[in-house]
Amino acid sequence: MTNDRLLKHVIYEMKMLYYTYGVQNNAPIISSSSPNEMESIRDALYTSFLLHFRNLYYFFNDRHYSDDIKISTFVKDGKDIAGYEFTDKDLEVHINKCLAHLTKDRLKFEGAPEFDFRYMALSIISRCVTFFDYILRHDIAKSHVSEIRELRDTFSTFLSS
């Protein structure tokens, strides 16, 4: 599989993380729904955000499975991307307990699990911007240049707000 096709999947994860974070904080659909619908919509958004966060967390931490798309797929030496590493084992375990399967851990929460979604979004999106800068600088994103520039600008604006 070419790097362009792999990069398309990574970009999708980045866009969805950004979108689900934004929607859960500003969604008119949530406030105009019944209480039961609101809970279901919020749960779907939280779950989707956590899933995309986890996928990018593993991407930036160069997960070891042979079929994973990893940052090392695009970057020869991770040190070339200053600050891309993001390791929080407690957060990783907490997400997996609340997301991947039914656990007793999930029963501890009323409504949304206790995650700092803003911290999580900022931590990953800042790494996305650094990654975008790297792949643009090294001409890795041949067929995605305009999309990546637009995303980088959108993400940079988000980080400065």
Foldseek 3Di string as FASTA:
>chain_A
DAPQVVVVVLVVLLVQLVVLLVCLVDPPVLVPDDPVVNLVVNVVSLLSNLVSLLLLLCQLQVPDDPPRNHLCVQPVDSVVQPLSHDDDPVVNVLSCCCHVDPDVSVVVDDRDPDDPSVVSSLSRLVSLLSSLVVCVVVVNNVPCNVVSVVSSVVSVVVNVD
